[in-house]
Amino acid sequence: MTFDSEEEAINISKIFPDAELILRIAVVETEAPCPMGLKFGAPKQLWDTILDVCIKLKMIVRGVSFHVGSGGCSFLAYKSALIDSQAVFELALSKKMARMDYLDIGGGFSTNSTNYSN
């Protein structure tokens, strides 16, 4: 189940305490006409707190999800989101959480991207 805030983790734990969670992170540096990070995803400054809440609730966080947006964007947005995803995986390990094994890259790579060099 995908979530992007500590409040959602708390609500999920009340209804389905055995749920396995995927933390959706915000992608803010994108050239997409419809960037998803404006509405969905946890901002970087909240990841630490969100994972701490999941530990306290004994919730299993299996991985990370992101979506750079619809309508084409720079491959640099994907690169940045992948680096951020790795940071979440490493943060979880530093907190002695179970090793994450799932990464969801949203809608996949856009064929409309104009930045192929990176």
Protein backbone atom coordinates (compact mmCIF):
# COMPACT_ATOMS: atom_id res chain seq x y z
CA MET A 1 0.00 0.00 0.00
CA THR A 2 1.41 3.37 -1.00
CA PHE A 3 1.49 6.22 1.51
CA ASP A 4 3.18 9.60 1.74
CA SER A 5 2.72 10.95 5.27
CA GLU A 6 2.92 9.91 8.90
CA GLU A 7 -0.84 10.53 9.20
CA GLU A 8 -1.50 7.99 6.46
CA ALA A 9 0.78 5.46 8.16
CA ILE A 10 -1.13 5.92 11.41
CA ASN A 11 -4.50 5.50 9.68
CA ILE A 12 -3.32 2.42 7.78
CA SER A 13 -2.01 0.83 10.99
CA LYS A 14 -5.42 1.26 12.63
CA ILE A 15 -7.29 -0.39 9.76
CA PHE A 16 -4.71 -2.88 8.46
CA PRO A 17 -1.75 -3.26 10.84
CA ASP A 18 -0.22 -6.06 8.74
CA ALA A 19 -0.04 -3.92 5.59
CA GLU A 20 3.25 -3.69 3.74
CA LEU A 21 3.93 -0.08 2.81
CA ILE A 22 5.57 1.76 -0.06
CA LEU A 23 6.70 5.31 0.73
CA ARG A 24 5.82 7.67 -2.13
CA ILE A 25 8.40 10.45 -2.33
CA ALA A 26 7.89 13.82 -3.97
CA VAL A 27 9.77 14.66 -7.16
CA VAL A 28 10.11 18.42 -7.26
CA GLU A 29 12.66 19.03 -10.01
CA THR A 30 10.81 18.03 -13.14
CA GLU A 31 9.86 19.68 -16.41
CA ALA A 32 6.60 17.78 -16.68
CA PRO A 33 3.51 19.84 -17.58
CA CYS A 34 1.64 17.89 -14.88
CA PRO A 35 4.20 17.34 -12.08
CA MET A 36 2.95 14.85 -9.52
CA GLY A 37 5.22 16.16 -6.72
CA LEU A 38 3.00 19.19 -6.24
CA LYS A 39 0.18 17.01 -4.96
CA PHE A 40 1.66 13.60 -4.10
CA GLY A 41 4.70 12.35 -2.29
CA ALA A 42 6.56 12.96 0.92
CA PRO A 43 9.03 15.84 0.81
CA LYS A 44 12.65 15.01 1.68
CA GLN A 45 12.56 16.84 5.03
CA LEU A 46 9.82 14.46 6.30
CA TRP A 47 11.31 11.07 5.35
CA ASP A 48 13.13 10.64 8.65
CA THR A 49 10.03 11.36 10.74
CA ILE A 50 7.79 9.20 8.57
CA LEU A 51 10.11 6.20 8.91
CA ASP A 52 10.34 6.75 12.67
CA VAL A 53 6.53 6.66 12.88
CA CYS A 54 6.49 3.41 10.90
CA ILE A 55 9.03 1.90 13.28
CA LYS A 56 6.95 2.97 16.28
CA LEU A 57 3.82 1.48 14.67
CA LYS A 58 5.71 -1.71 13.72
CA MET A 59 4.69 -1.20 10.09
CA ILE A 60 6.70 -2.86 7.32
CA VAL A 61 8.00 -0.46 4.67
CA ARG A 62 8.93 -2.51 1.60
CA GLY A 63 10.18 0.26 -0.66
CA VAL A 64 9.78 3.56 -2.43
CA SER A 65 7.53 4.94 -5.14
CA PHE A 66 7.79 8.10 -7.20
CA HIS A 67 6.21 9.62 -10.31
CA VAL A 68 7.93 12.47 -12.10
CA GLY A 69 4.73 13.64 -13.77
CA SER A 70 2.82 13.33 -17.00
CA GLY A 71 3.53 14.82 -20.37
CA GLY A 72 7.26 14.34 -20.73
CA CYS A 73 10.14 15.61 -18.67
CA SER A 74 13.90 15.58 -18.36
CA PHE A 75 15.74 12.35 -17.65
CA LEU A 76 17.47 14.38 -14.93
CA ALA A 77 14.19 14.22 -12.99
CA TYR A 78 14.40 10.41 -13.06
CA LYS A 79 18.06 10.50 -12.05
CA SER A 80 17.29 12.78 -9.11
CA ALA A 81 14.33 10.61 -8.05
CA LEU A 82 16.45 7.46 -8.21
CA ILE A 83 19.14 9.09 -6.06
CA ASP A 84 16.44 10.18 -3.59
CA SER A 85 15.01 6.66 -3.56
CA GLN A 86 18.42 5.25 -2.74
CA ALA A 87 18.67 7.76 0.10
CA VAL A 88 15.40 6.46 1.58
CA PHE A 89 16.60 2.85 1.29
CA GLU A 90 19.83 3.81 3.09
CA LEU A 91 17.98 5.85 5.72
CA ALA A 92 15.79 2.85 6.52
CA LEU A 93 18.85 0.62 6.89
CA SER A 94 20.48 3.16 9.19
CA LYS A 95 17.37 2.91 11.37
CA LYS A 96 17.73 -0.90 11.47
CA MET A 97 14.56 -1.40 9.41
CA ALA A 98 14.21 -4.45 7.19
CA ARG A 99 16.00 -4.12 3.85
CA MET A 100 13.62 -2.62 1.29
CA ASP A 101 13.18 -4.57 -1.92
CA TYR A 102 10.69 -2.61 -4.01
CA LEU A 103 11.01 0.47 -6.25
CA ASP A 104 8.10 1.85 -8.28
CA ILE A 105 9.07 4.48 -10.86
CA GLY A 106 5.53 5.56 -11.60
CA GLY A 107 4.56 5.85 -15.24
CA GLY A 108 7.97 4.83 -16.50
CA PHE A 109 10.33 6.71 -18.75
CA SER A 110 8.73 9.30 -21.01
CA THR A 111 9.32 9.13 -24.73
CA ASN A 112 8.88 12.91 -24.87
CA SER A 113 11.99 13.67 -22.85
CA THR A 114 14.39 16.09 -24.52
CA ASN A 115 17.42 15.58 -22.28
CA TYR A 116 19.12 12.36 -23.40
CA SER A 117 22.68 13.22 -22.37
CA ASN A 118 22.37 12.39 -18.68
